[in-house]
Structures are given as C-alpha cells and as structure tokens.
Amino acid sequence: MGESRQSLNLNSLLAAVEAAPPVAAADVLAGALAEAIDAREVSFLIADFSGQSLIRLGHAGGKGRLQGKETAERVPLVGTPHGRALAVQAVEVIDEDGGARLFAPVTSRGEAVGVLELLLDDFPAKQTVADVAQAAHFLAYVVIANRRYTDLFEWGQRSVPLSLAAEIQHRLLPGAFTCEAGQFTLAAWLQPAGEIGGDTFDFSLDRDALHLSMTDAMGHTMDAALLATVLVGGLRNARRRGVELAEQARLANDALAEQAGESQFVTGLLVRIDLLRATAEIVNAGHPPPLRIRAGEVDQLDLEADPPFGVRLGRAYRVQSLPLQVGDRLIFVTDGMLERDAALMNIGAILTASIDMHPREAVQDLTRAVLKVSGGQLRDDATALCLDWHGGPPRDRDASSGANR
C-alpha cells in the first residue's frame, strides 16, 4: 500500500493560499495536495445551480464551457462516485489501473460545496484518505472565502445562463443552503421556473434563536423579483434591528405596501425558533402551512393565515406557537410544490420515503419529483426548506470533515 510521503501542513497550506490571487486559491491547494501525497491528477468540481450535476473547473485546456482560458465540464451526480461521496459525506475510493481514484466531499457545516477528485498511482493507506478528507474540508473554506472576490466559482456553477430576474432572485438567497447545528439541521432548495416566480427563502442563526423565512411574490419575471427584493430586504432589516417577530412582520409589510402597486403582494412564512424552549413562533401571511413529519406520519400544520404582505399598510400579524418534539421534521414549501402539475404527485408519500435522508438530500429529492411530474418544465418556482429538530440544550454539533456524523 502507498503511504503519504509527507503529512499535510495546514499552516503552510493556508499561507500559500492566502498569498495566491482568489482565482488561483483552489489551484494552489490542489498543487500542494498533489505534492504531499504524490497524486497524478487533482481537480475540483463545484456544485452547480441545478442540483443535478457538478462542474469540473480548469483552465488552459479542458472540456465543456469556455470563458477565456477557464473551462467548466459538467459531471452528473446521480449514479456516480461523485454523487455517492456527497450523499454519504465520506471519501469514495475506486480501484483504477493498479492505483486508485478518490472522491472527497468538499463540505462546510453540511453545505455541499463540491467534490475533490484525485488519481493516485497506489492504493491509498488510511492516513492518505484522512489527509484527502482534511484537505477537502479545508478547500470548502477556501472556496467560501475566495468567491467573494471573483466571479470564477459563480460562473462555473451556472450550467444554464440566468436571466436578469433570476440574477436578482439569486442574490436574495442566503450564502449557504444548508446549516448543521447541535439542535437542528436545515436545508433548502429553489428550482426556478422558466419565468421567475419570485420565490425566496432565508435563515439566520443567533445564540438562542433560529430565524427562517419563505416568501412567494405574485407574478413572474421582473415584477416578482422586485417585490421579493423589497420584502426580503424589509425582513432582514427588521430582524437585524432585534425586534420581536410580530414587529418584524409589520415593518416588512409596511415597507412592501409603500412600494407595491394595486393587486401586488407576497405570501410568506416568518419563523423564529427559540432554541432554549424548543418552540417555533410562526407568522403566516397567506402562505401554504408547513408540513410536519412526526413518528413517521405526515400532517399539515393547522395554522391560521393572515393576508399576504403588502396588501394593506399598518396591518398587524398574529404570532402562532408550535412546540417541537425531538425527531420532528418540518417541511416549508411554496405553492409551486403543491399546485399546477405538482398537484398530481403524492407529496406525503415522497416525504415519507425520504425520511431517512439528510435534509440536503430530501429537498433535492422533492425537487426532482416536481420536475419529473412537470416534464422538466415548471410553470412556477418550486421551493422547499426542510428542518430536522434534534432537540436538547444548545451545544456543539457532532461533525467530521464539514458534515454531521
């Protein structure tokens, strides 16, 4: 068996990455890893916006899309070692010509950034696999930090060009679609329609509270994107003032009502989970209520609905309380997951079948089902957010290489 020729020195690796330009940061890490374990090939594949594939980034030669010297080659997720590595969050090792090809999940707090792929001349020892797992986890932080300074990673993720409305909608989403913590795990996914329908989701974690929101602006394309922009901005501004949930809803509603035209509105769910009391406070502004899976049973929560945001200036919103039990799974969706073609599928059966999946996999499984029943052409945005409640006191998560064990 081959052994690591030298162990990874993360301090020197960090210094080299920090010295490199943002566009070369991943290349520098790949080069250092290749030297440390004598890898013949090292490449980074970033998760694209479709959720169905990875994009192998390269430059100065390669397959796929081109932008100057940059290359972006699409690799499917389903049925591939890349997809298995992300699903199980462990290094996948495959024999190849007397050596081995390794696929390591590039993950931070459960957010699947991509996959690190390497080709070795010898089958790896356990320490080599551990080094690769550590380097892949480190690469997640490299990408997250450096994508603030360059469009390279964003360009790579765009296997399909975004319209201007889609560009605006994308900027409204949080920087990560997954978050793992000691008391909960959450993940969300938005599948845009051909004409953007104005869906958004958001989350933020405080020391003692988790904030969530899901919104759906009426209309399509630019009108919906602009309504969503005002409301999401209003919700974030109110949340960051530190006011209570009812006041957050009122302030955001008034901000939208002052800008919205006649018959323009946004439905939404606004949620604050008290991590100490294990209770969710929810404002329902004309939105489909959440679904709850408890003890294997799927139920729609009985929440009363107030009018959508933006209908009337000065509107007050009710806060409804929902106690949480250990093992609860909450699913928040927009009407694109329930109406039109999606009404033909049995969402309860799909959610029950995916109960053992990580929320990251569960929301994408639900999205694939909607796409299938719609023939791949959505007539409205389809958005889902899945929250698993683990319960207990606030605590550190049980994590390894960027994901929960």
Protein backbone atom coordinates (compact mmCIF):
# COMPACT_ATOMS: atom_id res chain seq x y z
CA MET A 1 0.00 0.00 0.00
CA GLY A 2 1.17 3.54 -0.72
CA GLU A 3 1.88 5.84 2.20
CA SER A 4 1.67 9.65 2.42
CA ARG A 5 5.14 10.95 1.61
CA GLN A 6 4.57 13.84 4.00
CA SER A 7 1.67 14.85 6.20
CA LEU A 8 -0.29 17.92 5.29
CA ASN A 9 0.86 21.10 6.99
CA LEU A 10 -2.26 23.26 7.16
CA ASN A 11 -0.35 26.32 8.37
CA SER A 12 1.92 26.37 5.31
CA LEU A 13 -1.04 25.49 3.12
CA LEU A 14 -3.01 28.44 4.48
CA ALA A 15 -0.06 30.77 3.91
CA ALA A 16 0.24 29.62 0.28
CA VAL A 17 -3.49 30.01 -0.37
CA GLU A 18 -3.56 33.46 1.23
CA ALA A 19 -0.65 34.57 -0.98
CA ALA A 20 -2.36 33.43 -4.18
CA PRO A 21 -4.91 35.51 -6.13
CA PRO A 22 -8.53 34.48 -5.41
CA VAL A 23 -8.95 32.83 -8.82
CA ALA A 24 -5.92 30.60 -8.15
CA ALA A 25 -6.60 29.71 -4.50
CA ALA A 26 -8.15 26.30 -5.28
CA ASP A 27 -5.33 25.55 -7.74
CA VAL A 28 -2.69 26.31 -5.11
CA LEU A 29 -4.32 23.96 -2.63
CA ALA A 30 -4.63 21.25 -5.28
CA GLY A 31 -0.97 21.60 -6.17
CA ALA A 32 0.16 21.37 -2.55
CA LEU A 33 -2.03 18.30 -2.00
CA ALA A 34 -0.70 16.64 -5.16
CA GLU A 35 2.86 17.15 -3.94
CA ALA A 36 2.13 15.92 -0.42
CA ILE A 37 0.56 12.60 -1.47
CA ASP A 38 2.11 12.25 -4.95
CA ALA A 39 -1.20 12.49 -6.81
CA ARG A 40 -1.12 12.35 -10.60
CA GLU A 41 -4.33 14.32 -11.07
CA VAL A 42 -6.20 16.68 -8.76
CA SER A 43 -9.36 18.55 -9.74
CA PHE A 44 -12.12 20.46 -8.00
CA LEU A 45 -15.74 20.07 -9.06
CA ILE A 46 -18.20 22.67 -7.77
CA ALA A 47 -21.92 22.00 -7.28
CA ASP A 48 -23.96 23.79 -9.94
CA PHE A 49 -27.23 25.66 -9.51
CA SER A 50 -29.31 22.80 -10.97
CA GLY A 51 -28.53 20.47 -8.06
CA GLN A 52 -28.19 17.67 -10.61
CA SER A 53 -24.52 17.93 -11.51
CA LEU A 54 -21.03 19.10 -10.62
CA ILE A 55 -18.80 21.35 -12.70
CA ARG A 56 -15.13 20.45 -13.08
CA LEU A 57 -13.23 23.74 -13.09
CA GLY A 58 -9.99 24.10 -15.01
CA HIS A 59 -8.02 26.44 -17.22
CA ALA A 60 -5.70 26.39 -20.22
CA GLY A 61 -7.35 23.37 -21.80
CA GLY A 62 -10.22 21.04 -20.99
CA LYS A 63 -13.77 20.07 -21.94
CA GLY A 64 -17.06 21.90 -21.66
CA ARG A 65 -17.86 25.59 -21.50
CA LEU A 66 -15.16 28.16 -22.10
CA GLN A 67 -14.64 31.68 -20.81
CA GLY A 68 -11.23 32.91 -21.81
CA LYS A 69 -8.87 30.22 -20.54
CA GLU A 70 -11.35 28.95 -17.94
CA THR A 71 -13.14 25.64 -18.56
CA ALA A 72 -16.24 24.14 -16.97
CA GLU A 73 -17.03 20.47 -17.61
CA ARG A 74 -20.36 19.06 -16.42
CA VAL A 75 -20.35 15.77 -14.44
CA PRO A 76 -23.69 14.22 -13.36
CA LEU A 77 -24.37 13.47 -9.69
CA VAL A 78 -26.90 10.63 -9.85
CA GLY A 79 -25.28 7.20 -10.11
CA THR A 80 -21.69 8.48 -9.93
CA PRO A 81 -18.97 8.19 -7.26
CA HIS A 82 -19.08 11.99 -7.03
CA GLY A 83 -22.75 11.83 -6.05
CA ARG A 84 -22.16 9.00 -3.59
CA ALA A 85 -19.35 10.91 -1.88
CA LEU A 86 -21.64 13.90 -1.37
CA ALA A 87 -24.62 11.81 -0.25
CA VAL A 88 -22.75 9.82 2.41
CA GLN A 89 -20.24 12.60 3.20
CA ALA A 90 -17.25 10.27 3.07
CA VAL A 91 -14.29 9.74 0.76
CA GLU A 92 -15.14 7.31 -2.05
CA VAL A 93 -12.17 5.19 -3.20
CA ILE A 94 -12.24 3.27 -6.51
CA ASP A 95 -9.55 0.97 -7.95
CA GLU A 96 -8.16 2.23 -11.23
CA ASP A 97 -5.30 0.64 -13.20
CA GLY A 98 -3.46 -0.59 -10.13
CA GLY A 99 -3.90 2.73 -8.40
CA ALA A 100 -6.99 4.49 -7.11
CA ARG A 101 -9.26 7.42 -7.80
CA LEU A 102 -10.54 9.28 -4.74
CA PHE A 103 -13.65 11.45 -4.46
CA ALA A 104 -13.85 13.59 -1.31
CA PRO A 105 -16.83 15.78 -0.30
CA VAL A 106 -15.98 19.48 -0.09
CA THR A 107 -18.34 20.49 2.70
CA SER A 108 -18.75 23.16 5.38
CA ARG A 109 -21.43 22.82 8.09
CA GLY A 110 -23.33 20.43 5.86
CA GLU A 111 -23.23 22.73 2.83
CA ALA A 112 -22.16 20.60 -0.13
CA VAL A 113 -19.77 22.94 -1.99
CA GLY A 114 -18.45 20.26 -4.34
CA VAL A 115 -16.07 17.32 -4.69
CA LEU A 116 -12.27 16.99 -4.72
CA GLU A 117 -11.15 14.27 -7.16
CA LEU A 118 -7.65 12.74 -7.18
CA LEU A 119 -5.84 9.97 -9.09
CA LEU A 120 -3.10 8.06 -7.23
CA ASP A 121 -0.62 5.52 -8.61
CA ASP A 122 -1.00 3.33 -5.50
CA PHE A 123 -4.00 2.28 -3.47
CA PRO A 124 -4.10 4.76 -0.55
CA ALA A 125 -3.34 4.00 3.08
CA LYS A 126 -5.84 5.12 5.73
CA GLN A 127 -3.69 8.15 6.56
CA THR A 128 -3.72 9.23 2.92
CA VAL A 129 -7.52 9.02 2.82
CA ALA A 130 -7.67 11.02 6.06
CA ASP A 131 -5.33 13.65 4.56
CA VAL A 132 -7.53 13.94 1.49
CA ALA A 133 -10.68 14.30 3.63
CA GLN A 134 -8.99 17.04 5.67
CA ALA A 135 -7.81 18.86 2.54
CA ALA A 136 -11.30 18.70 1.01
CA HIS A 137 -12.80 20.21 4.16
CA PHE A 138 -10.15 22.93 4.07
CA LEU A 139 -10.97 23.55 0.39
CA ALA A 140 -14.58 24.31 1.34
CA TYR A 141 -13.37 27.26 3.43
CA VAL A 142 -11.03 28.33 0.62
CA VAL A 143 -13.88 28.47 -1.89
CA ILE A 144 -16.31 30.17 0.51
CA ALA A 145 -13.74 32.84 1.40
CA ASN A 146 -12.45 33.50 -2.11
CA ARG A 147 -15.72 33.55 -4.05
CA ARG A 148 -16.34 36.97 -2.51
CA TYR A 149 -13.54 38.34 -4.69
CA THR A 150 -14.09 36.64 -8.05
CA ASP A 151 -16.88 35.51 -10.38
CA LEU A 152 -14.99 32.33 -11.32
CA PHE A 153 -16.84 29.99 -8.96
CA GLU A 154 -20.19 31.66 -9.69
CA TRP A 155 -19.57 31.33 -13.44
CA GLY A 156 -18.73 27.67 -13.03
CA GLN A 157 -21.97 26.97 -11.18
CA ARG A 158 -24.09 28.47 -13.96
CA SER A 159 -24.55 25.49 -16.24
CA VAL A 160 -27.59 27.40 -17.58
CA PRO A 161 -27.43 31.21 -18.09
CA LEU A 162 -29.51 33.25 -15.64
CA SER A 163 -31.95 35.93 -16.77
CA LEU A 164 -31.81 39.34 -15.09
CA ALA A 165 -34.83 38.42 -12.95
CA ALA A 166 -33.11 35.18 -11.93
CA GLU A 167 -29.93 37.12 -11.12
CA ILE A 168 -31.88 39.36 -8.75
CA GLN A 169 -33.67 36.38 -7.20
CA HIS A 170 -30.40 34.51 -6.68
CA ARG A 171 -28.86 37.46 -4.84
CA LEU A 172 -31.75 37.37 -2.35
CA LEU A 173 -30.93 33.85 -1.18
CA PRO A 174 -28.58 33.15 1.75
CA GLY A 175 -24.94 32.36 1.09
CA ALA A 176 -25.46 28.72 2.13
CA PHE A 177 -28.44 26.44 1.53
CA THR A 178 -27.60 24.04 4.39
CA CYS A 179 -26.79 24.56 8.06
CA GLU A 180 -25.95 21.93 10.67
CA ALA A 181 -26.02 22.71 14.39
CA GLY A 182 -26.25 20.68 17.57
CA GLN A 183 -30.01 21.10 17.93
CA PHE A 184 -31.09 21.09 14.28
CA THR A 185 -30.18 20.54 10.66
CA LEU A 186 -31.78 22.56 7.88
CA ALA A 187 -31.50 22.66 4.12
CA ALA A 188 -33.41 24.43 1.36
CA TRP A 189 -33.60 24.37 -2.41
CA LEU A 190 -35.19 26.63 -5.01
CA GLN A 191 -35.97 25.34 -8.50
CA PRO A 192 -36.79 28.35 -10.71
CA ALA A 193 -39.46 28.22 -13.39
CA GLY A 194 -38.81 29.34 -16.97
CA GLU A 195 -40.28 32.70 -15.96
CA ILE A 196 -39.10 33.51 -12.44
CA GLY A 197 -41.95 33.28 -9.96
CA GLY A 198 -40.46 35.29 -7.11
CA ASP A 199 -39.75 32.57 -4.53
CA THR A 200 -37.14 33.14 -1.80
CA PHE A 201 -36.00 31.54 1.43
CA ASP A 202 -33.70 32.83 4.16
CA PHE A 203 -32.27 31.82 7.53
CA SER A 204 -30.07 33.26 10.26
CA LEU A 205 -28.79 31.75 13.50
CA ASP A 206 -28.44 33.66 16.77
CA ARG A 207 -27.09 32.26 20.03
CA ASP A 208 -30.55 31.32 21.30
CA ALA A 209 -32.74 31.50 18.19
CA LEU A 210 -33.01 30.36 14.60
CA HIS A 211 -34.78 32.68 12.15
CA LEU A 212 -36.39 31.34 8.97
CA SER A 213 -38.47 32.82 6.19
CA MET A 214 -40.03 31.63 2.95
CA THR A 215 -41.77 34.01 0.56
CA ASP A 216 -43.53 33.86 -2.80
CA ALA A 217 -44.09 37.09 -4.74
CA MET A 218 -47.07 37.21 -7.06
CA GLY A 219 -46.46 37.45 -10.78
CA HIS A 220 -43.44 36.48 -12.83
CA THR A 221 -40.08 37.77 -14.09
CA MET A 222 -39.00 41.28 -13.12
CA ASP A 223 -42.15 42.33 -11.23
CA ALA A 224 -41.90 39.32 -8.94
CA ALA A 225 -38.15 39.80 -8.46
CA LEU A 226 -38.60 43.43 -7.43
CA LEU A 227 -41.42 42.65 -4.98
CA ALA A 228 -39.29 39.90 -3.46
CA THR A 229 -36.33 42.29 -3.18
CA VAL A 230 -38.31 44.82 -1.17
CA LEU A 231 -39.84 42.23 1.16
CA VAL A 232 -36.66 40.24 1.82
CA GLY A 233 -34.79 43.48 2.43
CA GLY A 234 -37.52 44.59 4.82
CA LEU A 235 -37.49 41.28 6.70
CA ARG A 236 -33.70 41.29 7.07
CA ASN A 237 -33.64 44.92 8.16
CA ALA A 238 -36.29 44.31 10.81
CA ARG A 239 -34.62 41.11 12.02
CA ARG A 240 -31.28 42.86 12.36
CA ARG A 241 -32.91 45.57 14.47
CA GLY A 242 -33.62 42.84 17.02
CA VAL A 243 -37.39 43.44 17.22
CA GLU A 244 -39.92 40.72 18.02
CA LEU A 245 -41.46 38.55 15.29
CA ALA A 246 -44.78 40.42 15.04
CA GLU A 247 -42.91 43.72 14.66
CA GLN A 248 -40.63 42.21 12.01
CA ALA A 249 -43.72 41.21 10.02
CA ARG A 250 -45.33 44.64 10.45
CA LEU A 251 -42.25 46.59 9.40
CA ALA A 252 -41.63 44.40 6.35
CA ASN A 253 -45.30 44.57 5.35
CA ASP A 254 -45.33 48.36 5.57
CA ALA A 255 -42.13 48.62 3.52
CA LEU A 256 -43.70 46.48 0.79
CA ALA A 257 -47.11 48.19 0.94
CA GLU A 258 -45.46 51.56 0.30
CA GLN A 259 -43.84 50.22 -2.88
CA ALA A 260 -46.30 47.66 -4.24
CA GLY A 261 -48.84 48.54 -6.87
CA GLU A 262 -52.52 47.61 -6.83
CA SER A 263 -53.05 43.84 -6.51
CA GLN A 264 -49.34 43.22 -5.88
CA PHE A 265 -48.46 41.16 -2.82
CA VAL A 266 -46.15 38.48 -1.41
CA THR A 267 -47.19 35.45 0.62
CA GLY A 268 -44.80 34.24 3.28
CA LEU A 269 -43.97 32.31 6.42
CA LEU A 270 -41.86 34.03 9.06
CA VAL A 271 -40.46 31.76 11.78
CA ARG A 272 -38.44 32.20 14.95
CA ILE A 273 -37.36 29.04 16.77
CA ASP A 274 -36.46 29.50 20.43
CA LEU A 275 -33.58 27.07 20.91
CA LEU A 276 -33.93 27.12 24.71
CA ARG A 277 -37.69 26.49 24.86
CA ALA A 278 -37.89 24.19 21.78
CA THR A 279 -40.75 26.26 20.40
CA ALA A 280 -41.37 27.75 16.97
CA GLU A 281 -43.19 31.07 16.64
CA ILE A 282 -44.75 31.45 13.19
CA VAL A 283 -46.38 34.25 11.20
CA ASN A 284 -48.41 33.02 8.24
CA ALA A 285 -49.03 35.73 5.64
CA GLY A 286 -51.32 33.91 3.22
CA HIS A 287 -48.83 31.09 2.58
CA PRO A 288 -49.30 27.30 2.45
CA PRO A 289 -48.79 26.00 6.02
CA PRO A 290 -45.79 23.79 6.82
CA LEU A 291 -45.89 20.01 6.79
CA ARG A 292 -44.67 18.05 9.80
CA ILE A 293 -43.35 14.51 9.91
CA ARG A 294 -43.67 13.08 13.42
CA ALA A 295 -43.39 9.37 14.26
CA GLY A 296 -43.47 8.57 10.55
CA GLU A 297 -46.75 10.42 9.89
CA VAL A 298 -47.06 13.45 7.58
CA ASP A 299 -49.51 16.15 8.68
CA GLN A 300 -50.26 19.67 7.50
CA LEU A 301 -49.99 22.05 10.44
CA ASP A 302 -53.18 23.85 11.37
CA LEU A 303 -52.07 27.48 11.13
CA GLU A 304 -54.44 30.36 10.62
CA ALA A 305 -53.47 32.63 7.73
CA ASP A 306 -53.36 36.41 7.79
CA PRO A 307 -53.43 38.37 4.50
CA PRO A 308 -50.27 38.40 2.37
CA PHE A 309 -47.58 41.03 2.85
CA GLY A 310 -48.11 44.32 1.03
CA VAL A 311 -51.92 44.25 0.86
CA ARG A 312 -52.55 46.96 3.46
CA LEU A 313 -50.30 49.48 5.20
CA GLY A 314 -50.32 49.14 9.00
CA ARG A 315 -51.56 45.55 9.03
CA ALA A 316 -50.83 43.64 12.28
CA TYR A 317 -49.80 39.99 12.10
CA ARG A 318 -50.54 37.20 14.57
CA VAL A 319 -47.78 35.05 16.03
CA GLN A 320 -48.74 31.39 16.46
CA SER A 321 -46.80 28.98 18.67
CA LEU A 322 -45.69 25.47 17.72
CA PRO A 323 -43.99 23.21 20.32
CA LEU A 324 -41.25 20.99 18.85
CA GLN A 325 -40.50 17.38 19.75
CA VAL A 326 -37.20 15.57 19.27
CA GLY A 327 -37.29 13.87 15.87
CA ASP A 328 -39.72 16.34 14.25
CA ARG A 329 -39.12 17.16 10.61
CA LEU A 330 -40.75 20.37 9.31
CA ILE A 331 -41.14 20.99 5.57
CA PHE A 332 -41.85 24.52 4.29
CA VAL A 333 -42.88 24.82 0.63
CA THR A 334 -44.17 27.36 -1.87
CA ASP A 335 -47.25 26.67 -3.99
CA GLY A 336 -45.03 25.51 -6.85
CA MET A 337 -44.60 22.30 -4.82
CA LEU A 338 -48.37 21.88 -4.41
CA GLU A 339 -50.28 23.34 -7.37
CA ARG A 340 -50.45 23.01 -11.17
CA ASP A 341 -48.55 19.92 -12.34
CA ALA A 342 -47.18 19.33 -8.81
CA ALA A 343 -50.74 18.63 -7.61
CA LEU A 344 -50.52 15.30 -9.48
CA MET A 345 -47.83 13.92 -7.16
CA ASN A 346 -48.31 12.47 -3.67
CA ILE A 347 -46.12 14.81 -1.64
CA GLY A 348 -46.84 12.90 1.59
CA ALA A 349 -45.56 9.64 0.11
CA ILE A 350 -42.45 11.35 -1.25
CA LEU A 351 -41.65 12.90 2.13
CA THR A 352 -42.23 9.61 3.94
CA ALA A 353 -39.92 7.78 1.52
CA SER A 354 -37.15 10.34 2.11
CA ILE A 355 -37.45 10.41 5.91
CA ASP A 356 -34.01 8.86 6.43
CA MET A 357 -32.30 11.28 4.04
CA HIS A 358 -30.30 14.27 5.22
CA PRO A 359 -32.41 17.44 4.71
CA ARG A 360 -29.96 18.44 1.95
CA GLU A 361 -30.85 15.28 0.03
CA ALA A 362 -34.56 15.38 0.98
CA VAL A 363 -35.26 18.81 -0.54
CA GLN A 364 -33.49 17.85 -3.76
CA ASP A 365 -35.40 14.56 -3.89
CA LEU A 366 -38.66 16.50 -3.61
CA THR A 367 -37.50 18.92 -6.30
CA ARG A 368 -36.66 16.05 -8.68
CA ALA A 369 -40.16 14.65 -8.15
CA VAL A 370 -41.75 18.00 -9.06
CA LEU A 371 -39.57 18.30 -12.15
CA LYS A 372 -40.49 14.76 -13.21
CA VAL A 373 -44.24 15.27 -12.91
CA SER A 374 -43.87 18.62 -14.73
CA GLY A 375 -41.96 17.11 -17.62
CA GLY A 376 -38.93 19.20 -16.71
CA GLN A 377 -40.77 22.48 -17.39
CA LEU A 378 -42.04 24.25 -14.27
CA ARG A 379 -44.77 26.84 -14.61
CA ASP A 380 -43.97 28.30 -11.19
CA ASP A 381 -40.92 28.35 -8.92
CA ALA A 382 -40.77 25.32 -6.63
CA THR A 383 -39.07 25.87 -3.26
CA ALA A 384 -38.68 23.64 -0.20
CA LEU A 385 -36.98 24.04 3.18
CA CYS A 386 -36.50 21.04 5.48
CA LEU A 387 -35.75 21.39 9.21
CA ASP A 388 -34.84 18.41 11.39
CA TRP A 389 -35.20 19.10 15.12
CA HIS A 390 -32.68 17.13 17.20
CA GLY A 391 -33.58 18.90 20.44
CA GLY A 392 -31.67 19.14 23.68
CA PRO A 393 -29.77 22.18 25.01
CA PRO A 394 -27.68 24.43 22.74
CA ARG A 395 -24.47 22.51 22.06
CA ASP A 396 -21.72 21.80 19.56
CA ARG A 397 -22.62 19.54 16.65
CA ASP A 398 -21.12 16.09 16.21
CA ALA A 399 -19.25 16.72 12.99
CA SER A 400 -16.48 15.26 10.87
CA SER A 401 -14.91 16.92 7.79
CA GLY A 402 -17.65 19.52 7.49
CA ALA A 403 -20.77 17.38 8.00
CA ASN A 404 -22.64 15.75 10.86
CA ARG A 405 -21.75 12.14 11.58
